[in-house]
Amino acid sequence: LLINLGAFLFFRFLELGMWTVGVGDIQNVLEWFMISKS
């Protein structure tokens, strides 16, 4: 539970930071950790 919640909060704060400074999209970062069909 703590690992899942920690990962969720980490990426939400990263998304907030990226949105604040106007850099990129969190989806591009998440793709490095999600399973791909490729």
PDB file of all heavy atoms in Angstrom:
ATOM      1  N   LEU A   1       0.833  -1.207   0.000  1.00  0.00           N
ATOM      2  CA  LEU A   1       0.000   0.000   0.000  1.00  0.00           C
ATOM      3  C   LEU A   1       0.866   1.254   0.000  1.00  0.00           C
ATOM      4  O   LEU A   1       0.637   2.189  -0.777  1.00  0.00           O
ATOM      5  CB  LEU A   1      -0.932   0.013   1.211  1.00  0.00           C
ATOM      6  CG  LEU A   1      -2.111  -0.945   1.189  1.00  0.00           C
ATOM      7  CD1 LEU A   1      -2.751  -1.040   2.566  1.00  0.00           C
ATOM      8  CD2 LEU A   1      -3.128  -0.535   0.150  1.00  0.00           C
ATOM      9  N   LEU A   2       1.884   1.291   0.863  1.00  0.00           N
ATOM     10  CA  LEU A   2       2.751   2.466   0.949  1.00  0.00           C
ATOM     11  C   LEU A   2       3.571   2.668  -0.317  1.00  0.00           C
ATOM     12  O   LEU A   2       3.758   3.807  -0.764  1.00  0.00           O
ATOM     13  CB  LEU A   2       3.652   2.369   2.178  1.00  0.00           C
ATOM     14  CG  LEU A   2       2.948   2.536   3.528  1.00  0.00           C
ATOM     15  CD1 LEU A   2       3.907   2.232   4.668  1.00  0.00           C
ATOM     16  CD2 LEU A   2       2.360   3.931   3.656  1.00  0.00           C
ATOM     17  N   ILE A   3       4.045   1.593  -0.921  1.00  0.00           N
ATOM     18  CA  ILE A   3       4.805   1.722  -2.174  1.00  0.00           C
ATOM     19  C   ILE A   3       3.910   2.265  -3.279  1.00  0.00           C
ATOM     20  O   ILE A   3       4.297   3.184  -4.016  1.00  0.00           O
ATOM     21  CB  ILE A   3       5.429   0.369  -2.576  1.00  0.00           C
ATOM     22  CG1 ILE A   3       6.538  -0.005  -1.601  1.00  0.00           C
ATOM     23  CG2 ILE A   3       5.956   0.417  -4.005  1.00  0.00           C
ATOM     24  CD1 ILE A   3       7.024  -1.439  -1.736  1.00  0.00           C
ATOM     25  N   ASN A   4       2.714   1.717  -3.407  1.00  0.00           N
ATOM     26  CA  ASN A   4       1.781   2.192  -4.438  1.00  0.00           C
ATOM     27  C   ASN A   4       1.394   3.646  -4.202  1.00  0.00           C
ATOM     28  O   ASN A   4       1.370   4.446  -5.144  1.00  0.00           O
ATOM     29  CB  ASN A   4       0.533   1.306  -4.482  1.00  0.00           C
ATOM     30  CG  ASN A   4       0.739   0.052  -5.279  1.00  0.00           C
ATOM     31  OD1 ASN A   4       0.730   0.069  -6.503  1.00  0.00           O
ATOM     32  ND2 ASN A   4       0.941  -1.055  -4.590  1.00  0.00           N
ATOM     33  N   LEU A   5       1.072   3.992  -2.963  1.00  0.00           N
ATOM     34  CA  LEU A   5       0.701   5.379  -2.654  1.00  0.00           C
ATOM     35  C   LEU A   5       1.882   6.326  -2.847  1.00  0.00           C
ATOM     36  O   LEU A   5       1.712   7.443  -3.346  1.00  0.00           O
ATOM     37  CB  LEU A   5       0.165   5.478  -1.221  1.00  0.00           C
ATOM     38  CG  LEU A   5      -1.213   4.872  -0.994  1.00  0.00           C
ATOM     39  CD1 LEU A   5      -1.531   4.823   0.501  1.00  0.00           C
ATOM     40  CD2 LEU A   5      -2.276   5.637  -1.739  1.00  0.00           C
ATOM     41  N   GLY A   6       3.070   5.890  -2.465  1.00  0.00           N
ATOM     42  CA  GLY A   6       4.257   6.709  -2.650  1.00  0.00           C
ATOM     43  C   GLY A   6       4.530   6.993  -4.120  1.00  0.00           C
ATOM     44  O   GLY A   6       4.840   8.127  -4.502  1.00  0.00           O
ATOM     45  N   ALA A   7       4.415   5.962  -4.962  1.00  0.00           N
ATOM     46  CA  ALA A   7       4.622   6.155  -6.400  1.00  0.00           C
ATOM     47  C   ALA A   7       3.561   7.094  -6.970  1.00  0.00           C
ATOM     48  O   ALA A   7       3.862   7.977  -7.781  1.00  0.00           O
ATOM     49  CB  ALA A   7       4.590   4.808  -7.124  1.00  0.00           C
ATOM     50  N   PHE A   8       2.306   6.909  -6.528  1.00  0.00           N
ATOM     51  CA  PHE A   8       1.230   7.772  -6.999  1.00  0.00           C
ATOM     52  C   PHE A   8       1.502   9.231  -6.643  1.00  0.00           C
ATOM     53  O   PHE A   8       1.429  10.124  -7.493  1.00  0.00           O
ATOM     54  CB  PHE A   8      -0.104   7.316  -6.397  1.00  0.00           C
ATOM     55  CG  PHE A   8      -1.268   8.186  -6.762  1.00  0.00           C
ATOM     56  CD1 PHE A   8      -1.836   8.109  -8.016  1.00  0.00           C
ATOM     57  CD2 PHE A   8      -1.788   9.083  -5.840  1.00  0.00           C
ATOM     58  CE1 PHE A   8      -2.915   8.911  -8.351  1.00  0.00           C
ATOM     59  CE2 PHE A   8      -2.862   9.886  -6.170  1.00  0.00           C
ATOM     60  CZ  PHE A   8      -3.434   9.801  -7.432  1.00  0.00           C
ATOM     61  N   LEU A   9       1.836   9.480  -5.381  1.00  0.00           N
ATOM     62  CA  LEU A   9       2.099  10.850  -4.938  1.00  0.00           C
ATOM     63  C   LEU A   9       3.335  11.438  -5.613  1.00  0.00           C
ATOM     64  O   LEU A   9       3.338  12.618  -5.984  1.00  0.00           O
ATOM     65  CB  LEU A   9       2.245  10.901  -3.421  1.00  0.00           C
ATOM     66  CG  LEU A   9       0.968  10.637  -2.628  1.00  0.00           C
ATOM     67  CD1 LEU A   9       1.267  10.553  -1.144  1.00  0.00           C
ATOM     68  CD2 LEU A   9      -0.081  11.704  -2.923  1.00  0.00           C
ATOM     69  N   PHE A  10       4.375  10.631  -5.797  1.00  0.00           N
ATOM     70  CA  PHE A  10       5.577  11.117  -6.474  1.00  0.00           C
ATOM     71  C   PHE A  10       5.246  11.635  -7.874  1.00  0.00           C
ATOM     72  O   PHE A  10       5.640  12.744  -8.246  1.00  0.00           O
ATOM     73  CB  PHE A  10       6.636  10.010  -6.556  1.00  0.00           C
ATOM     74  CG  PHE A  10       7.820  10.396  -7.387  1.00  0.00           C
ATOM     75  CD1 PHE A  10       8.807  11.214  -6.861  1.00  0.00           C
ATOM     76  CD2 PHE A  10       7.948   9.958  -8.697  1.00  0.00           C
ATOM     77  CE1 PHE A  10       9.907  11.586  -7.629  1.00  0.00           C
ATOM     78  CE2 PHE A  10       9.034  10.329  -9.474  1.00  0.00           C
ATOM     79  CZ  PHE A  10      10.015  11.150  -8.938  1.00  0.00           C
ATOM     80  N   PHE A  11       4.511  10.848  -8.639  1.00  0.00           N
ATOM     81  CA  PHE A  11       4.196  11.268 -10.007  1.00  0.00           C
ATOM     82  C   PHE A  11       3.173  12.401 -10.049  1.00  0.00           C
ATOM     83  O   PHE A  11       3.178  13.203 -10.975  1.00  0.00           O
ATOM     84  CB  PHE A  11       3.762  10.077 -10.857  1.00  0.00           C
ATOM     85  CG  PHE A  11       4.924   9.228 -11.280  1.00  0.00           C
ATOM     86  CD1 PHE A  11       5.169   8.011 -10.684  1.00  0.00           C
ATOM     87  CD2 PHE A  11       5.798   9.668 -12.266  1.00  0.00           C
ATOM     88  CE1 PHE A  11       6.259   7.246 -11.058  1.00  0.00           C
ATOM     89  CE2 PHE A  11       6.882   8.916 -12.658  1.00  0.00           C
ATOM     90  CZ  PHE A  11       7.117   7.698 -12.052  1.00  0.00           C
ATOM     91  N   ARG A  12       2.286  12.487  -9.053  1.00  0.00           N
ATOM     92  CA  ARG A  12       1.363  13.625  -9.018  1.00  0.00           C
ATOM     93  C   ARG A  12       2.123  14.919  -8.724  1.00  0.00           C
ATOM     94  O   ARG A  12       1.859  15.961  -9.325  1.00  0.00           O
ATOM     95  CB  ARG A  12       0.278  13.430  -7.966  1.00  0.00           C
ATOM     96  CG  ARG A  12      -0.717  12.326  -8.240  1.00  0.00           C
ATOM     97  CD  ARG A  12      -1.576  12.453  -9.513  1.00  0.00           C
ATOM     98  NE  ARG A  12      -0.919  12.395 -10.774  1.00  0.00           N
ATOM     99  CZ  ARG A  12      -0.489  11.289 -11.408  1.00  0.00           C
ATOM    100  NH1 ARG A  12      -0.631  10.122 -10.862  1.00  0.00           N
ATOM    101  NH2 ARG A  12       0.096  11.370 -12.571  1.00  0.00           N
ATOM    102  N   PHE A  13       3.063  14.879  -7.768  1.00  0.00           N
ATOM    103  CA  PHE A  13       3.864  16.066  -7.477  1.00  0.00           C
ATOM    104  C   PHE A  13       4.780  16.414  -8.642  1.00  0.00           C
ATOM    105  O   PHE A  13       4.993  17.593  -8.939  1.00  0.00           O
ATOM    106  CB  PHE A  13       4.665  15.891  -6.182  1.00  0.00           C
ATOM    107  CG  PHE A  13       3.832  16.036  -4.944  1.00  0.00           C
ATOM    108  CD1 PHE A  13       3.779  15.020  -4.018  1.00  0.00           C
ATOM    109  CD2 PHE A  13       3.092  17.184  -4.712  1.00  0.00           C
ATOM    110  CE1 PHE A  13       2.997  15.146  -2.872  1.00  0.00           C
ATOM    111  CE2 PHE A  13       2.306  17.320  -3.571  1.00  0.00           C
ATOM    112  CZ  PHE A  13       2.263  16.305  -2.649  1.00  0.00           C
ATOM    113  N   LEU A  14       5.317  15.407  -9.310  1.00  0.00           N
ATOM    114  CA  LEU A  14       6.128  15.656 -10.501  1.00  0.00           C
ATOM    115  C   LEU A  14       5.284  16.312 -11.590  1.00  0.00           C
ATOM    116  O   LEU A  14       5.723  17.269 -12.239  1.00  0.00           O
ATOM    117  CB  LEU A  14       6.739  14.353 -11.011  1.00  0.00           C
ATOM    118  CG  LEU A  14       7.634  14.459 -12.244  1.00  0.00           C
ATOM    119  CD1 LEU A  14       8.841  15.345 -11.959  1.00  0.00           C
ATOM    120  CD2 LEU A  14       8.075  13.072 -12.692  1.00  0.00           C
ATOM    121  N   GLU A  15       4.061  15.823 -11.759  1.00  0.00           N
ATOM    122  CA  GLU A  15       3.157  16.420 -12.746  1.00  0.00           C
ATOM    123  C   GLU A  15       2.853  17.875 -12.386  1.00  0.00           C
ATOM    124  O   GLU A  15       2.853  18.749 -13.255  1.00  0.00           O
ATOM    125  CB  GLU A  15       1.867  15.613 -12.813  1.00  0.00           C
ATOM    126  CG  GLU A  15       0.866  16.150 -13.824  1.00  0.00           C
ATOM    127  CD  GLU A  15      -0.391  15.299 -13.883  1.00  0.00           C
ATOM    128  OE1 GLU A  15      -0.790  14.717 -12.847  1.00  0.00           O
ATOM    129  OE2 GLU A  15      -0.979  15.234 -14.971  1.00  0.00           O
ATOM    130  N   LEU A  16       2.615  18.145 -11.111  1.00  0.00           N
ATOM    131  CA  LEU A  16       2.358  19.509 -10.662  1.00  0.00           C
ATOM    132  C   LEU A  16       3.560  20.405 -10.934  1.00  0.00           C
ATOM    133  O   LEU A  16       3.421  21.522 -11.432  1.00  0.00           O
ATOM    134  CB  LEU A  16       2.004  19.524  -9.173  1.00  0.00           C
ATOM    135  CG  LEU A  16       1.727  20.890  -8.553  1.00  0.00           C
ATOM    136  CD1 LEU A  16       0.504  21.531  -9.196  1.00  0.00           C
ATOM    137  CD2 LEU A  16       1.548  20.755  -7.052  1.00  0.00           C
ATOM    138  N   GLY A  17       4.743  19.899 -10.635  1.00  0.00           N
ATOM    139  CA  GLY A  17       5.954  20.672 -10.900  1.00  0.00           C
ATOM    140  C   GLY A  17       6.157  20.926 -12.386  1.00  0.00           C
ATOM    141  O   GLY A  17       6.527  22.033 -12.790  1.00  0.00           O
ATOM    142  N   MET A  18       5.915  19.918 -13.205  1.00  0.00           N
ATOM    143  CA  MET A  18       6.061  20.084 -14.654  1.00  0.00           C
ATOM    144  C   MET A  18       5.042  21.086 -15.187  1.00  0.00           C
ATOM    145  O   MET A  18       5.349  21.892 -16.054  1.00  0.00           O
ATOM    146  CB  MET A  18       5.912  18.731 -15.359  1.00  0.00           C
ATOM    147  CG  MET A  18       7.054  17.782 -15.092  1.00  0.00           C
ATOM    148  SD  MET A  18       6.779  16.122 -15.755  1.00  0.00           S
ATOM    149  CE  MET A  18       6.959  16.437 -17.510  1.00  0.00           C
ATOM    150  N   TRP A  19       3.830  21.027 -14.655  1.00  0.00           N
ATOM    151  CA  TRP A  19       2.794  21.966 -15.084  1.00  0.00           C
ATOM    152  C   TRP A  19       3.152  23.388 -14.650  1.00  0.00           C
ATOM    153  O   TRP A  19       2.961  24.337 -15.400  1.00  0.00           O
ATOM    154  CB  TRP A  19       1.447  21.552 -14.500  1.00  0.00           C
ATOM    155  CG  TRP A  19       0.350  22.503 -14.814  1.00  0.00           C
ATOM    156  CD1 TRP A  19      -0.340  22.611 -15.988  1.00  0.00           C
ATOM    157  CD2 TRP A  19      -0.188  23.504 -13.942  1.00  0.00           C
ATOM    158  NE1 TRP A  19      -1.275  23.604 -15.895  1.00  0.00           N
ATOM    159  CE2 TRP A  19      -1.206  24.173 -14.643  1.00  0.00           C
ATOM    160  CE3 TRP A  19       0.081  23.892 -12.633  1.00  0.00           C
ATOM    161  CZ2 TRP A  19      -1.946  25.205 -14.097  1.00  0.00           C
ATOM    162  CZ3 TRP A  19      -0.656  24.909 -12.085  1.00  0.00           C
ATOM    163  CH2 TRP A  19      -1.650  25.555 -12.807  1.00  0.00           C
ATOM    164  N   THR A  20       3.680  23.527 -13.435  1.00  0.00           N
ATOM    165  CA  THR A  20       4.031  24.839 -12.897  1.00  0.00           C
ATOM    166  C   THR A  20       5.090  25.535 -13.736  1.00  0.00           C
ATOM    167  O   THR A  20       4.970  26.722 -14.029  1.00  0.00           O
ATOM    168  CB  THR A  20       4.529  24.709 -11.438  1.00  0.00           C
ATOM    169  OG1 THR A  20       3.504  24.084 -10.672  1.00  0.00           O
ATOM    170  CG2 THR A  20       4.851  26.061 -10.845  1.00  0.00           C
ATOM    171  N   VAL A  21       6.110  24.803 -14.134  1.00  0.00           N
ATOM    172  CA  VAL A  21       7.180  25.422 -14.926  1.00  0.00           C
ATOM    173  C   VAL A  21       6.939  25.312 -16.425  1.00  0.00           C
ATOM    174  O   VAL A  21       7.701  25.858 -17.215  1.00  0.00           O
ATOM    175  CB  VAL A  21       8.574  24.841 -14.568  1.00  0.00           C
ATOM    176  CG1 VAL A  21       8.931  25.146 -13.132  1.00  0.00           C
ATOM    177  CG2 VAL A  21       8.647  23.366 -14.846  1.00  0.00           C
ATOM    178  N   GLY A  22       5.869  24.629 -16.818  1.00  0.00           N
ATOM    179  CA  GLY A  22       5.510  24.537 -18.233  1.00  0.00           C
ATOM    180  C   GLY A  22       6.442  23.663 -19.045  1.00  0.00           C
ATOM    181  O   GLY A  22       6.730  23.959 -20.209  1.00  0.00           O
ATOM    182  N   VAL A  23       6.897  22.567 -18.439  1.00  0.00           N
ATOM    183  CA  VAL A  23       7.833  21.678 -19.121  1.00  0.00           C
ATOM    184  C   VAL A  23       7.165  20.344 -19.409  1.00  0.00           C
ATOM    185  O   VAL A  23       6.781  19.637 -18.491  1.00  0.00           O
ATOM    186  CB  VAL A  23       9.090  21.428 -18.256  1.00  0.00           C
ATOM    187  CG1 VAL A  23      10.038  20.471 -18.942  1.00  0.00           C
ATOM    188  CG2 VAL A  23       9.769  22.727 -17.923  1.00  0.00           C
ATOM    189  N   GLY A  24       7.039  19.980 -20.656  1.00  0.00           N
ATOM    190  CA  GLY A  24       6.619  18.650 -21.058  1.00  0.00           C
ATOM    191  C   GLY A  24       5.282  18.187 -20.516  1.00  0.00           C
ATOM    192  O   GLY A  24       4.460  18.959 -20.038  1.00  0.00           O
ATOM    193  N   ASP A  25       5.095  16.889 -20.611  1.00  0.00           N
ATOM    194  CA  ASP A  25       3.858  16.239 -20.226  1.00  0.00           C
ATOM    195  C   ASP A  25       4.204  15.025 -19.365  1.00  0.00           C
ATOM    196  O   ASP A  25       5.135  14.278 -19.684  1.00  0.00           O
ATOM    197  CB  ASP A  25       3.107  15.812 -21.488  1.00  0.00           C
ATOM    198  CG  ASP A  25       1.779  15.163 -21.204  1.00  0.00           C
ATOM    199  OD1 ASP A  25       1.272  15.285 -20.073  1.00  0.00           O
ATOM    200  OD2 ASP A  25       1.224  14.531 -22.131  1.00  0.00           O
ATOM    201  N   ILE A  26       3.466  14.804 -18.302  1.00  0.00           N
ATOM    202  CA  ILE A  26       3.737  13.679 -17.407  1.00  0.00           C
ATOM    203  C   ILE A  26       3.586  12.352 -18.139  1.00  0.00           C
ATOM    204  O   ILE A  26       4.251  11.374 -17.795  1.00  0.00           O
ATOM    205  CB  ILE A  26       2.834  13.736 -16.140  1.00  0.00           C
ATOM    206  CG1 ILE A  26       3.323  12.738 -15.074  1.00  0.00           C
ATOM    207  CG2 ILE A  26       1.390  13.438 -16.497  1.00  0.00           C
ATOM    208  CD1 ILE A  26       4.648  13.066 -14.484  1.00  0.00           C
ATOM    209  N   GLN A  27       2.757  12.306 -19.159  1.00  0.00           N
ATOM    210  CA  GLN A  27       2.568  11.072 -19.926  1.00  0.00           C
ATOM    211  C   GLN A  27       3.888  10.591 -20.519  1.00  0.00           C
ATOM    212  O   GLN A  27       4.180   9.395 -20.518  1.00  0.00           O
ATOM    213  CB  GLN A  27       1.532  11.288 -21.033  1.00  0.00           C
ATOM    214  CG  GLN A  27       1.187  10.037 -21.812  1.00  0.00           C
ATOM    215  CD  GLN A  27       0.432   9.015 -21.008  1.00  0.00           C
ATOM    216  OE1 GLN A  27      -0.237   9.343 -20.032  1.00  0.00           O
ATOM    217  NE2 GLN A  27       0.532   7.761 -21.390  1.00  0.00           N
ATOM    218  N   ASN A  28       4.710  11.526 -20.998  1.00  0.00           N
ATOM    219  CA  ASN A  28       6.007  11.146 -21.562  1.00  0.00           C
ATOM    220  C   ASN A  28       6.923  10.536 -20.503  1.00  0.00           C
ATOM    221  O   ASN A  28       7.710   9.647 -20.804  1.00  0.00           O
ATOM    222  CB  ASN A  28       6.691  12.367 -22.194  1.00  0.00           C
ATOM    223  CG  ASN A  28       5.907  12.905 -23.365  1.00  0.00           C
ATOM    224  OD1 ASN A  28       5.210  12.162 -24.047  1.00  0.00           O
ATOM    225  ND2 ASN A  28       6.002  14.199 -23.592  1.00  0.00           N
ATOM    226  N   VAL A  29       6.828  11.002 -19.278  1.00  0.00           N
ATOM    227  CA  VAL A  29       7.629  10.441 -18.188  1.00  0.00           C
ATOM    228  C   VAL A  29       7.070   9.077 -17.789  1.00  0.00           C
ATOM    229  O   VAL A  29       7.819   8.112 -17.615  1.00  0.00           O
ATOM    230  CB  VAL A  29       7.656  11.399 -16.975  1.00  0.00           C
ATOM    231  CG1 VAL A  29       8.399  10.778 -15.801  1.00  0.00           C
ATOM    232  CG2 VAL A  29       8.258  12.734 -17.360  1.00  0.00           C
ATOM    233  N   LEU A  30       5.755   8.978 -17.650  1.00  0.00           N
ATOM    234  CA  LEU A  30       5.130   7.723 -17.237  1.00  0.00           C
ATOM    235  C   LEU A  30       5.385   6.592 -18.228  1.00  0.00           C
ATOM    236  O   LEU A  30       5.475   5.428 -17.837  1.00  0.00           O
ATOM    237  CB  LEU A  30       3.629   7.913 -17.044  1.00  0.00           C
ATOM    238  CG  LEU A  30       3.196   8.604 -15.757  1.00  0.00           C
ATOM    239  CD1 LEU A  30       1.698   8.876 -15.780  1.00  0.00           C
ATOM    240  CD2 LEU A  30       3.568   7.784 -14.546  1.00  0.00           C
ATOM    241  N   GLU A  31       5.517   6.920 -19.509  1.00  0.00           N
ATOM    242  CA  GLU A  31       5.739   5.889 -20.521  1.00  0.00           C
ATOM    243  C   GLU A  31       7.033   5.117 -20.273  1.00  0.00           C
ATOM    244  O   GLU A  31       7.177   3.989 -20.730  1.00  0.00           O
ATOM    245  CB  GLU A  31       5.734   6.498 -21.922  1.00  0.00           C
ATOM    246  CG  GLU A  31       4.346   6.874 -22.380  1.00  0.00           C
ATOM    247  CD  GLU A  31       4.319   7.598 -23.716  1.00  0.00           C
ATOM    248  OE1 GLU A  31       5.393   7.778 -24.341  1.00  0.00           O
ATOM    249  OE2 GLU A  31       3.216   7.988 -24.127  1.00  0.00           O
ATOM    250  N   TRP A  32       7.963   5.707 -19.542  1.00  0.00           N
ATOM    251  CA  TRP A  32       9.212   5.017 -19.210  1.00  0.00           C
ATOM    252  C   TRP A  32       9.001   3.965 -18.126  1.00  0.00           C
ATOM    253  O   TRP A  32       9.911   3.182 -17.836  1.00  0.00           O
ATOM    254  CB  TRP A  32      10.280   6.021 -18.775  1.00  0.00           C
ATOM    255  CG  TRP A  32      10.881   6.695 -19.956  1.00  0.00           C
ATOM    256  CD1 TRP A  32      10.443   7.837 -20.565  1.00  0.00           C
ATOM    257  CD2 TRP A  32      12.000   6.250 -20.713  1.00  0.00           C
ATOM    258  NE1 TRP A  32      11.223   8.132 -21.635  1.00  0.00           N
ATOM    259  CE2 TRP A  32      12.201   7.166 -21.753  1.00  0.00           C
ATOM    260  CE3 TRP A  32      12.869   5.172 -20.611  1.00  0.00           C
ATOM    261  CZ2 TRP A  32      13.221   7.042 -22.686  1.00  0.00           C
ATOM    262  CZ3 TRP A  32      13.882   5.040 -21.534  1.00  0.00           C
ATOM    263  CH2 TRP A  32      14.049   5.960 -22.552  1.00  0.00           C
ATOM    264  N   PHE A  33       7.835   3.952 -17.500  1.00  0.00           N
ATOM    265  CA  PHE A  33       7.562   3.019 -16.401  1.00  0.00           C
ATOM    266  C   PHE A  33       6.343   2.136 -16.659  1.00  0.00           C
ATOM    267  O   PHE A  33       6.083   1.220 -15.890  1.00  0.00           O
ATOM    268  CB  PHE A  33       7.375   3.798 -15.098  1.00  0.00           C
ATOM    269  CG  PHE A  33       8.574   4.616 -14.730  1.00  0.00           C
ATOM    270  CD1 PHE A  33       8.627   5.968 -15.036  1.00  0.00           C
ATOM    271  CD2 PHE A  33       9.659   4.026 -14.120  1.00  0.00           C
ATOM    272  CE1 PHE A  33       9.740   6.719 -14.720  1.00  0.00           C
ATOM    273  CE2 PHE A  33      10.783   4.771 -13.800  1.00  0.00           C
ATOM    274  CZ  PHE A  33      10.823   6.119 -14.100  1.00  0.00           C
ATOM    275  N   MET A  34       5.585   2.414 -17.726  1.00  0.00           N
ATOM    276  CA  MET A  34       4.399   1.625 -18.056  1.00  0.00           C
ATOM    277  C   MET A  34       4.778   0.512 -19.033  1.00  0.00           C
ATOM    278  O   MET A  34       5.711   0.656 -19.810  1.00  0.00           O
ATOM    279  CB  MET A  34       3.326   2.514 -18.699  1.00  0.00           C
ATOM    280  CG  MET A  34       2.810   3.592 -17.794  1.00  0.00           C
ATOM    281  SD  MET A  34       1.382   4.501 -18.436  1.00  0.00           S
ATOM    282  CE  MET A  34       1.937   5.164 -19.966  1.00  0.00           C
ATOM    283  N   ILE A  35       4.007  -0.562 -19.009  1.00  0.00           N
ATOM    284  CA  ILE A  35       4.229  -1.651 -19.953  1.00  0.00           C
ATOM    285  C   ILE A  35       3.696  -1.217 -21.319  1.00  0.00           C
ATOM    286  O   ILE A  35       2.638  -0.614 -21.418  1.00  0.00           O
ATOM    287  CB  ILE A  35       3.570  -2.968 -19.466  1.00  0.00           C
ATOM    288  CG1 ILE A  35       3.986  -4.150 -20.326  1.00  0.00           C
ATOM    289  CG2 ILE A  35       2.071  -2.865 -19.396  1.00  0.00           C
ATOM    290  CD1 ILE A  35       5.344  -4.654 -20.058  1.00  0.00           C
ATOM    291  N   SER A  36       4.458  -1.496 -22.342  1.00  0.00           N
ATOM    292  CA  SER A  36       4.101  -1.101 -23.699  1.00  0.00           C
ATOM    293  C   SER A  36       3.652  -2.316 -24.495  1.00  0.00           C
ATOM    294  O   SER A  36       4.063  -3.441 -24.215  1.00  0.00           O
ATOM    295  CB  SER A  36       5.318  -0.463 -24.386  1.00  0.00           C
ATOM    296  OG  SER A  36       5.054  -0.234 -25.751  1.00  0.00           O
ATOM    297  N   LYS A  37       2.850  -2.079 -25.517  1.00  0.00           N
ATOM    298  CA  LYS A  37       2.493  -3.185 -26.392  1.00  0.00           C
ATOM    299  C   LYS A  37       3.570  -3.419 -27.441  1.00  0.00           C
ATOM    300  O   LYS A  37       3.535  -4.409 -28.153  1.00  0.00           O
ATOM    301  CB  LYS A  37       1.128  -2.949 -27.035  1.00  0.00           C
ATOM    302  CG  LYS A  37       1.087  -1.962 -28.169  1.00  0.00           C
ATOM    303  CD  LYS A  37      -0.310  -1.921 -28.761  1.00  0.00           C
ATOM    304  CE  LYS A  37      -0.358  -1.105 -30.030  1.00  0.00           C
ATOM    305  NZ  LYS A  37      -1.709  -1.107 -30.599  1.00  0.00           N
ATOM    306  N   SER A  38       4.543  -2.529 -27.503  1.00  0.00           N
ATOM    307  CA  SER A  38       5.663  -2.665 -28.429  1.00  0.00           C
ATOM    308  C   SER A  38       6.709  -3.607 -27.840  1.00  0.00           C
ATOM    309  O   SER A  38       7.258  -3.347 -26.767  1.00  0.00           O
ATOM    310  CB  SER A  38       6.292  -1.295 -28.696  1.00  0.00           C
ATOM    311  OG  SER A  38       7.575  -1.430 -29.261  1.00  0.00           O
TER     312      SER A  38
END
